[in-house]
Amino acid sequence: EQSMGSALFGVLFFRLTMFTNLLFLVVSVLLYGLTNNDGYLAGVSVGIWTVLLSIIAVECAQAPPNSKRKLFFLEIPVLYYPLVLLALFSLFAGFRLAYCLGVAVGYLQGFGKLDRWKVKVETARKWESERGCLRGFYSRAGYISVSSASGPNAWAEGSGGGGNNESSSGGGPVARAPSDPAASSTPSFPSSGGQSLGGGSKRGLLSRGSKSPKTKEERAALLERAAERRRQQRDEEGGSAV
């Protein structure tokens, strides 16, 4: 869906389902005619895994060569990945003809054998235009338009999906320069705009008045007044004690 857009992916989903079911019908009738076994006529092609295996086959057939995919602890060449999944499903759930035909149809689509029924990109753009049948889906979240589809870049490792916003239409995550841990751990303080403790004067808490005594007479007067206040405090404390 990221490589072709939501509209073309929906058409592909429908086309793979239709071809797989038609092929299943034809093969079942042929097997019945060859073996005269009624079990082939009673067989069904149901479940989402039929078309999912087909889509996986398309994806792997169009993947870059020599690429691999990981299944549990095994690295499998991407071209044979659908066959390994099919063998695994057959091992646990038994053989199912619909799964095999789905993988076969997916390979045919991936290698371009069914391109004659392929919808053109211009047609999908008309569907997404203002007068198209998909105009109501174009602005919805998660819808990938044809113009924002990433195309072959969808196979690049770490590439994001193409959406109708700039944040999701980009490729991989943006690399950022690492920050210096020593610089971030060092505290920084403002170089200006502060105020010293004790007010705006330079003396801080030691300065009580706006003017400091400069002569001996002024200092002596201040000491005398301080002594007089101490005597008054002692007298008041003595009177309260009596």
C-alpha atoms as a PDB file:
ATOM      1  CA  GLU A   1       0.000   0.000   0.000  1.00  0.00           C
ATOM      2  CA  GLN A   2       2.869   2.394   0.743  1.00  0.00           C
ATOM      3  CA  SER A   3       4.459   1.710  -2.621  1.00  0.00           C
ATOM      4  CA  MET A   4       1.345   2.114  -4.823  1.00  0.00           C
ATOM      5  CA  GLY A   5      -1.245   4.000  -2.755  1.00  0.00           C
ATOM      6  CA  SER A   6      -4.497   2.969  -1.119  1.00  0.00           C
ATOM      7  CA  ALA A   7      -6.642   3.105  -4.266  1.00  0.00           C
ATOM      8  CA  LEU A   8      -4.389   0.888  -6.368  1.00  0.00           C
ATOM      9  CA  PHE A   9      -3.843  -1.429  -3.416  1.00  0.00           C
ATOM     10  CA  GLY A  10      -7.595  -1.879  -3.048  1.00  0.00           C
ATOM     11  CA  VAL A  11      -7.868  -2.703  -6.753  1.00  0.00           C
ATOM     12  CA  LEU A  12      -5.001  -5.173  -6.401  1.00  0.00           C
ATOM     13  CA  PHE A  13      -6.690  -6.804  -3.406  1.00  0.00           C
ATOM     14  CA  PHE A  14      -9.913  -7.244  -5.359  1.00  0.00           C
ATOM     15  CA  ARG A  15      -8.142  -8.487  -8.490  1.00  0.00           C
ATOM     16  CA  LEU A  16      -6.093 -11.094  -6.615  1.00  0.00           C
ATOM     17  CA  THR A  17      -9.191 -12.334  -4.809  1.00  0.00           C
ATOM     18  CA  MET A  18     -11.172 -12.604  -8.044  1.00  0.00           C
ATOM     19  CA  PHE A  19      -8.446 -14.420  -9.970  1.00  0.00           C
ATOM     20  CA  THR A  20      -7.730 -16.807  -7.095  1.00  0.00           C
ATOM     21  CA  ASN A  21     -11.379 -17.765  -6.693  1.00  0.00           C
ATOM     22  CA  LEU A  22     -11.906 -18.188 -10.446  1.00  0.00           C
ATOM     23  CA  LEU A  23      -8.813 -20.347 -10.692  1.00  0.00           C
ATOM     24  CA  PHE A  24      -9.962 -22.363  -7.691  1.00  0.00           C
ATOM     25  CA  LEU A  25     -13.303 -22.983  -9.397  1.00  0.00           C
ATOM     26  CA  VAL A  26     -11.687 -24.067 -12.644  1.00  0.00           C
ATOM     27  CA  VAL A  27      -9.167 -26.377 -10.968  1.00  0.00           C
ATOM     28  CA  SER A  28     -11.855 -27.945  -8.767  1.00  0.00           C
ATOM     29  CA  VAL A  29     -14.023 -28.717 -11.803  1.00  0.00           C
ATOM     30  CA  LEU A  30     -11.057 -30.160 -13.691  1.00  0.00           C
ATOM     31  CA  LEU A  31     -10.038 -32.361 -10.765  1.00  0.00           C
ATOM     32  CA  TYR A  32     -13.592 -33.595 -10.423  1.00  0.00           C
ATOM     33  CA  GLY A  33     -13.686 -34.461 -14.119  1.00  0.00           C
ATOM     34  CA  LEU A  34     -10.382 -36.330 -13.898  1.00  0.00           C
ATOM     35  CA  THR A  35     -11.001 -38.212 -10.655  1.00  0.00           C
ATOM     36  CA  ASN A  36     -14.803 -38.271 -10.414  1.00  0.00           C
ATOM     37  CA  ASN A  37     -14.402 -37.363  -6.748  1.00  0.00           C
ATOM     38  CA  ASP A  38     -17.251 -35.294  -5.310  1.00  0.00           C
ATOM     39  CA  GLY A  39     -14.923 -33.912  -2.635  1.00  0.00           C
ATOM     40  CA  TYR A  40     -13.430 -31.415  -5.086  1.00  0.00           C
ATOM     41  CA  LEU A  41     -16.877 -29.946  -5.769  1.00  0.00           C
ATOM     42  CA  ALA A  42     -17.484 -29.573  -2.037  1.00  0.00           C
ATOM     43  CA  GLY A  43     -14.209 -27.719  -1.480  1.00  0.00           C
ATOM     44  CA  VAL A  44     -14.314 -24.043  -0.478  1.00  0.00           C
ATOM     45  CA  SER A  45     -11.977 -21.097  -0.784  1.00  0.00           C
ATOM     46  CA  VAL A  46     -12.544 -19.026   2.322  1.00  0.00           C
ATOM     47  CA  GLY A  47     -10.468 -17.036   4.780  1.00  0.00           C
ATOM     48  CA  ILE A  48      -8.322 -13.941   4.617  1.00  0.00           C
ATOM     49  CA  TRP A  49      -5.086 -15.922   4.399  1.00  0.00           C
ATOM     50  CA  THR A  50      -5.785 -16.858   0.786  1.00  0.00           C
ATOM     51  CA  VAL A  51      -5.462 -13.282  -0.410  1.00  0.00           C
ATOM     52  CA  LEU A  52      -2.836 -12.392   2.187  1.00  0.00           C
ATOM     53  CA  LEU A  53      -0.514 -15.087   0.901  1.00  0.00           C
ATOM     54  CA  SER A  54      -1.160 -13.782  -2.599  1.00  0.00           C
ATOM     55  CA  ILE A  55      -0.242 -10.227  -1.576  1.00  0.00           C
ATOM     56  CA  ILE A  56       2.902 -11.493   0.180  1.00  0.00           C
ATOM     57  CA  ALA A  57       3.874 -13.276  -3.037  1.00  0.00           C
ATOM     58  CA  VAL A  58       3.401 -10.053  -5.014  1.00  0.00           C
ATOM     59  CA  GLU A  59       5.487  -8.141  -2.501  1.00  0.00           C
ATOM     60  CA  CYS A  60       8.304 -10.684  -2.493  1.00  0.00           C
ATOM     61  CA  ALA A  61       8.358 -10.994  -6.297  1.00  0.00           C
ATOM     62  CA  GLN A  62       8.848  -7.224  -6.609  1.00  0.00           C
ATOM     63  CA  ALA A  63      11.414  -6.975  -3.815  1.00  0.00           C
ATOM     64  CA  PRO A  64      15.056  -6.157  -4.613  1.00  0.00           C
ATOM     65  CA  PRO A  65      17.101  -9.217  -5.592  1.00  0.00           C
ATOM     66  CA  ASN A  66      19.312 -10.995  -3.069  1.00  0.00           C
ATOM     67  CA  SER A  67      17.265  -9.580  -0.196  1.00  0.00           C
ATOM     68  CA  LYS A  68      16.253 -11.800   2.701  1.00  0.00           C
ATOM     69  CA  ARG A  69      13.522 -12.015   5.298  1.00  0.00           C
ATOM     70  CA  LYS A  70      13.683 -13.452   8.749  1.00  0.00           C
ATOM     71  CA  LEU A  71      11.272 -16.180   9.818  1.00  0.00           C
ATOM     72  CA  PHE A  72      11.818 -17.042  13.460  1.00  0.00           C
ATOM     73  CA  PHE A  73      15.585 -17.632  13.565  1.00  0.00           C
ATOM     74  CA  LEU A  74      16.020 -18.402   9.844  1.00  0.00           C
ATOM     75  CA  GLU A  75      16.936 -15.947   7.096  1.00  0.00           C
ATOM     76  CA  ILE A  76      15.137 -16.890   3.883  1.00  0.00           C
ATOM     77  CA  PRO A  77      15.641 -15.416   0.406  1.00  0.00           C
ATOM     78  CA  VAL A  78      12.705 -13.115  -0.162  1.00  0.00           C
ATOM     79  CA  LEU A  79      11.700 -14.835  -3.419  1.00  0.00           C
ATOM     80  CA  TYR A  80      11.048 -18.126  -1.609  1.00  0.00           C
ATOM     81  CA  TYR A  81       9.488 -16.604   1.499  1.00  0.00           C
ATOM     82  CA  PRO A  82       5.837 -17.224   0.397  1.00  0.00           C
ATOM     83  CA  LEU A  83       6.645 -20.865  -0.365  1.00  0.00           C
ATOM     84  CA  VAL A  84       8.112 -21.334   3.109  1.00  0.00           C
ATOM     85  CA  LEU A  85       4.986 -19.794   4.653  1.00  0.00           C
ATOM     86  CA  LEU A  86       2.823 -22.072   2.521  1.00  0.00           C
ATOM     87  CA  ALA A  87       4.786 -25.131   3.642  1.00  0.00           C
ATOM     88  CA  LEU A  88       4.489 -24.031   7.263  1.00  0.00           C
ATOM     89  CA  PHE A  89       0.715 -23.578   6.977  1.00  0.00           C
ATOM     90  CA  SER A  90       0.348 -26.928   5.257  1.00  0.00           C
ATOM     91  CA  LEU A  91       2.363 -28.566   8.023  1.00  0.00           C
ATOM     92  CA  PHE A  92       0.086 -27.305  10.794  1.00  0.00           C
ATOM     93  CA  ALA A  93      -3.308 -26.919   9.057  1.00  0.00           C
ATOM     94  CA  GLY A  94      -3.054 -29.447   6.258  1.00  0.00           C
ATOM     95  CA  PHE A  95      -2.909 -28.942   2.518  1.00  0.00           C
ATOM     96  CA  ARG A  96      -5.303 -26.342   1.132  1.00  0.00           C
ATOM     97  CA  LEU A  97      -5.691 -25.808  -2.576  1.00  0.00           C
ATOM     98  CA  ALA A  98      -6.828 -22.191  -2.177  1.00  0.00           C
ATOM     99  CA  TYR A  99      -3.585 -21.221  -0.418  1.00  0.00           C
ATOM    100  CA  CYS A 100      -1.483 -22.738  -3.202  1.00  0.00           C
ATOM    101  CA  LEU A 101      -3.484 -20.981  -5.896  1.00  0.00           C
ATOM    102  CA  GLY A 102      -3.271 -17.703  -4.007  1.00  0.00           C
ATOM    103  CA  VAL A 103       0.527 -17.889  -3.909  1.00  0.00           C
ATOM    104  CA  ALA A 104       0.594 -18.807  -7.629  1.00  0.00           C
ATOM    105  CA  VAL A 105      -1.604 -15.840  -8.570  1.00  0.00           C
ATOM    106  CA  GLY A 106       0.584 -13.565  -6.425  1.00  0.00           C
ATOM    107  CA  TYR A 107       3.710 -14.661  -8.270  1.00  0.00           C
ATOM    108  CA  LEU A 108       1.990 -14.094 -11.616  1.00  0.00           C
ATOM    109  CA  GLN A 109       1.008 -10.585 -10.564  1.00  0.00           C
ATOM    110  CA  GLY A 110       4.445  -9.834  -9.142  1.00  0.00           C
ATOM    111  CA  PHE A 111       6.243 -10.858 -12.325  1.00  0.00           C
ATOM    112  CA  GLY A 112       3.896  -8.791 -14.515  1.00  0.00           C
ATOM    113  CA  LYS A 113       1.896 -11.583 -16.115  1.00  0.00           C
ATOM    114  CA  LEU A 114      -1.423  -9.950 -15.175  1.00  0.00           C
ATOM    115  CA  ASP A 115      -0.574  -6.364 -16.121  1.00  0.00           C
ATOM    116  CA  ARG A 116      -3.202  -6.296 -18.869  1.00  0.00           C
ATOM    117  CA  TRP A 117      -5.844  -6.002 -16.129  1.00  0.00           C
ATOM    118  CA  LYS A 118      -3.885  -3.425 -14.208  1.00  0.00           C
ATOM    119  CA  VAL A 119      -5.473  -0.039 -13.446  1.00  0.00           C
ATOM    120  CA  LYS A 120      -3.431   2.912 -14.690  1.00  0.00           C
ATOM    121  CA  VAL A 121      -2.072   5.529 -12.336  1.00  0.00           C
ATOM    122  CA  GLU A 122      -3.888   8.297 -14.233  1.00  0.00           C
ATOM    123  CA  THR A 123      -7.182   6.524 -13.627  1.00  0.00           C
ATOM    124  CA  ALA A 124      -6.493   6.322  -9.892  1.00  0.00           C
ATOM    125  CA  ARG A 125      -5.650  10.046  -9.861  1.00  0.00           C
ATOM    126  CA  LYS A 126      -9.024  10.780 -11.472  1.00  0.00           C
ATOM    127  CA  TRP A 127     -10.707   8.750  -8.742  1.00  0.00           C
ATOM    128  CA  GLU A 128      -8.965  10.875  -6.101  1.00  0.00           C
ATOM    129  CA  SER A 129      -9.730  14.217  -7.751  1.00  0.00           C
ATOM    130  CA  GLU A 130     -12.374  16.646  -6.507  1.00  0.00           C
ATOM    131  CA  ARG A 131     -15.009  15.036  -8.726  1.00  0.00           C
ATOM    132  CA  GLY A 132     -13.758  11.475  -8.353  1.00  0.00           C
ATOM    133  CA  CYS A 133     -15.434   8.623  -6.529  1.00  0.00           C
ATOM    134  CA  LEU A 134     -12.704   8.545  -3.833  1.00  0.00           C
ATOM    135  CA  ARG A 135     -12.747  12.246  -2.962  1.00  0.00           C
ATOM    136  CA  GLY A 136     -14.288  11.464   0.436  1.00  0.00           C
ATOM    137  CA  PHE A 137     -11.409   9.156   1.369  1.00  0.00           C
ATOM    138  CA  TYR A 138      -8.575  11.362   0.110  1.00  0.00           C
ATOM    139  CA  SER A 139      -8.362  13.570   3.204  1.00  0.00           C
ATOM    140  CA  ARG A 140      -8.863  10.827   5.775  1.00  0.00           C
ATOM    141  CA  ALA A 141      -6.074   9.831   8.114  1.00  0.00           C
ATOM    142  CA  GLY A 142      -4.158   6.784   6.962  1.00  0.00           C
ATOM    143  CA  TYR A 143      -5.200   7.069   3.324  1.00  0.00           C
ATOM    144  CA  ILE A 144      -2.223   7.043   0.963  1.00  0.00           C
ATOM    145  CA  SER A 145      -2.819   8.880  -2.271  1.00  0.00           C
ATOM    146  CA  VAL A 146      -1.153   8.009  -5.548  1.00  0.00           C
ATOM    147  CA  SER A 147       0.900  11.218  -5.506  1.00  0.00           C
ATOM    148  CA  SER A 148       2.259  10.539  -1.989  1.00  0.00           C
ATOM    149  CA  ALA A 149       3.021   6.844  -2.538  1.00  0.00           C
ATOM    150  CA  SER A 150       6.702   6.081  -2.049  1.00  0.00           C
ATOM    151  CA  GLY A 151       7.044   3.676  -4.989  1.00  0.00           C
ATOM    152  CA  PRO A 152      10.320   1.717  -5.012  1.00  0.00           C
ATOM    153  CA  ASN A 153      11.449   3.673  -1.923  1.00  0.00           C
ATOM    154  CA  ALA A 154       8.994   1.602   0.134  1.00  0.00           C
ATOM    155  CA  TRP A 155      11.581  -1.196   0.079  1.00  0.00           C
ATOM    156  CA  ALA A 156      14.251   0.989   1.660  1.00  0.00           C
ATOM    157  CA  GLU A 157      15.004   0.017   5.223  1.00  0.00           C
ATOM    158  CA  GLY A 158      13.565   2.448   7.734  1.00  0.00           C
ATOM    159  CA  SER A 159      11.416   4.296   5.240  1.00  0.00           C
ATOM    160  CA  GLY A 160       8.087   5.550   6.480  1.00  0.00           C
ATOM    161  CA  GLY A 161       4.707   5.244   4.834  1.00  0.00           C
ATOM    162  CA  GLY A 162       3.444   7.873   2.492  1.00  0.00           C
ATOM    163  CA  GLY A 163       0.455   9.726   3.808  1.00  0.00           C
ATOM    164  CA  ASN A 164      -1.341  12.948   3.013  1.00  0.00           C
ATOM    165  CA  ASN A 165       0.851  14.899   5.395  1.00  0.00           C
ATOM    166  CA  GLU A 166       4.461  15.984   5.203  1.00  0.00           C
ATOM    167  CA  SER A 167       5.478  14.224   8.384  1.00  0.00           C
ATOM    168  CA  SER A 168       4.515  10.774   7.145  1.00  0.00           C
ATOM    169  CA  SER A 169       5.649  11.145   3.517  1.00  0.00           C
ATOM    170  CA  GLY A 170       9.314  11.340   4.353  1.00  0.00           C
ATOM    171  CA  GLY A 171      11.851   8.586   4.400  1.00  0.00           C
ATOM    172  CA  GLY A 172      13.746   7.431   7.434  1.00  0.00           C
ATOM    173  CA  PRO A 173      14.163   9.235  10.734  1.00  0.00           C
ATOM    174  CA  VAL A 174      16.198  12.434  10.737  1.00  0.00           C
ATOM    175  CA  ALA A 175      19.678  12.032  12.185  1.00  0.00           C
ATOM    176  CA  ARG A 176      20.574  14.446  14.954  1.00  0.00           C
ATOM    177  CA  ALA A 177      23.986  15.375  16.238  1.00  0.00           C
ATOM    178  CA  PRO A 178      24.736  13.931  19.682  1.00  0.00           C
ATOM    179  CA  SER A 179      24.967  16.438  22.487  1.00  0.00           C
ATOM    180  CA  ASP A 180      27.986  16.775  24.742  1.00  0.00           C
ATOM    181  CA  PRO A 181      27.181  15.116  28.102  1.00  0.00           C
ATOM    182  CA  ALA A 182      29.769  17.225  29.898  1.00  0.00           C
ATOM    183  CA  ALA A 183      28.220  20.437  28.647  1.00  0.00           C
ATOM    184  CA  SER A 184      24.716  19.362  29.633  1.00  0.00           C
ATOM    185  CA  SER A 185      25.787  18.322  33.135  1.00  0.00           C
ATOM    186  CA  THR A 186      27.476  21.689  33.930  1.00  0.00           C
ATOM    187  CA  PRO A 187      25.031  24.087  35.628  1.00  0.00           C
ATOM    188  CA  SER A 188      24.746  27.543  34.153  1.00  0.00           C
ATOM    189  CA  PHE A 189      23.689  30.684  35.973  1.00  0.00           C
ATOM    190  CA  PRO A 190      22.543  34.036  34.616  1.00  0.00           C
ATOM    191  CA  SER A 191      25.331  36.523  34.198  1.00  0.00           C
ATOM    192  CA  SER A 192      23.180  39.607  34.811  1.00  0.00           C
ATOM    193  CA  GLY A 193      19.904  40.704  36.239  1.00  0.00           C
ATOM    194  CA  GLY A 194      20.505  39.321  39.760  1.00  0.00           C
ATOM    195  CA  GLN A 195      20.343  41.146  43.068  1.00  0.00           C
ATOM    196  CA  SER A 196      22.544  40.721  46.087  1.00  0.00           C
ATOM    197  CA  LEU A 197      21.079  39.454  49.341  1.00  0.00           C
ATOM    198  CA  GLY A 198      20.017  42.058  51.854  1.00  0.00           C
ATOM    199  CA  GLY A 199      18.753  44.678  49.428  1.00  0.00           C
ATOM    200  CA  GLY A 200      20.236  46.800  46.731  1.00  0.00           C
ATOM    201  CA  SER A 201      23.153  48.246  48.754  1.00  0.00           C
ATOM    202  CA  LYS A 202      26.604  46.774  48.575  1.00  0.00           C
ATOM    203  CA  ARG A 203      26.807  46.151  52.335  1.00  0.00           C
ATOM    204  CA  GLY A 204      23.876  43.708  52.327  1.00  0.00           C
ATOM    205  CA  LEU A 205      22.498  42.765  55.735  1.00  0.00           C
ATOM    206  CA  LEU A 206      25.155  44.739  57.642  1.00  0.00           C
ATOM    207  CA  SER A 207      23.856  48.076  56.424  1.00  0.00           C
ATOM    208  CA  ARG A 208      20.861  49.364  58.436  1.00  0.00           C
ATOM    209  CA  GLY A 209      20.644  52.965  57.337  1.00  0.00           C
ATOM    210  CA  SER A 210      20.995  54.857  54.168  1.00  0.00           C
ATOM    211  CA  LYS A 211      24.133  56.612  55.509  1.00  0.00           C
ATOM    212  CA  SER A 212      27.044  55.106  57.428  1.00  0.00           C
ATOM    213  CA  PRO A 213      28.885  57.065  60.145  1.00  0.00           C
ATOM    214  CA  LYS A 214      32.122  58.567  58.961  1.00  0.00           C
ATOM    215  CA  THR A 215      33.455  60.610  61.923  1.00  0.00           C
ATOM    216  CA  LYS A 216      34.355  59.625  65.509  1.00  0.00           C
ATOM    217  CA  GLU A 217      31.602  61.872  66.955  1.00  0.00           C
ATOM    218  CA  GLU A 218      28.947  60.117  64.904  1.00  0.00           C
ATOM    219  CA  ARG A 219      30.235  56.691  65.905  1.00  0.00           C
ATOM    220  CA  ALA A 220      30.281  57.755  69.571  1.00  0.00           C
ATOM    221  CA  ALA A 221      26.708  59.027  69.321  1.00  0.00           C
ATOM    222  CA  LEU A 222      25.578  55.747  67.787  1.00  0.00           C
ATOM    223  CA  LEU A 223      27.285  53.757  70.545  1.00  0.00           C
ATOM    224  CA  GLU A 224      25.716  55.966  73.232  1.00  0.00           C
ATOM    225  CA  ARG A 225      22.236  55.517  71.773  1.00  0.00           C
ATOM    226  CA  ALA A 226      22.763  51.760  71.596  1.00  0.00           C
ATOM    227  CA  ALA A 227      23.857  51.688  75.248  1.00  0.00           C
ATOM    228  CA  GLU A 228      20.840  53.756  76.254  1.00  0.00           C
ATOM    229  CA  ARG A 229      18.506  51.282  74.486  1.00  0.00           C
ATOM    230  CA  ARG A 230      20.145  48.354  76.314  1.00  0.00           C
ATOM    231  CA  ARG A 231      19.666  50.077  79.690  1.00  0.00           C
ATOM    232  CA  GLN A 232      16.025  50.742  78.929  1.00  0.00           C
ATOM    233  CA  GLN A 233      15.518  47.088  77.974  1.00  0.00           C
ATOM    234  CA  ARG A 234      17.139  45.922  81.244  1.00  0.00           C
ATOM    235  CA  ASP A 235      14.992  48.323  83.258  1.00  0.00           C
ATOM    236  CA  GLU A 236      11.834  47.067  81.554  1.00  0.00           C
ATOM    237  CA  GLU A 237      12.809  43.462  82.157  1.00  0.00           C
ATOM    238  CA  GLY A 238      13.507  44.196  85.859  1.00  0.00           C
ATOM    239  CA  GLY A 239      10.163  45.988  86.362  1.00  0.00           C
ATOM    240  CA  SER A 240       8.259  43.122  84.761  1.00  0.00           C
ATOM    241  CA  ALA A 241      10.050  40.634  87.030  1.00  0.00           C
ATOM    242  CA  VAL A 242       8.971  42.603  90.209  1.00  0.00           C
END
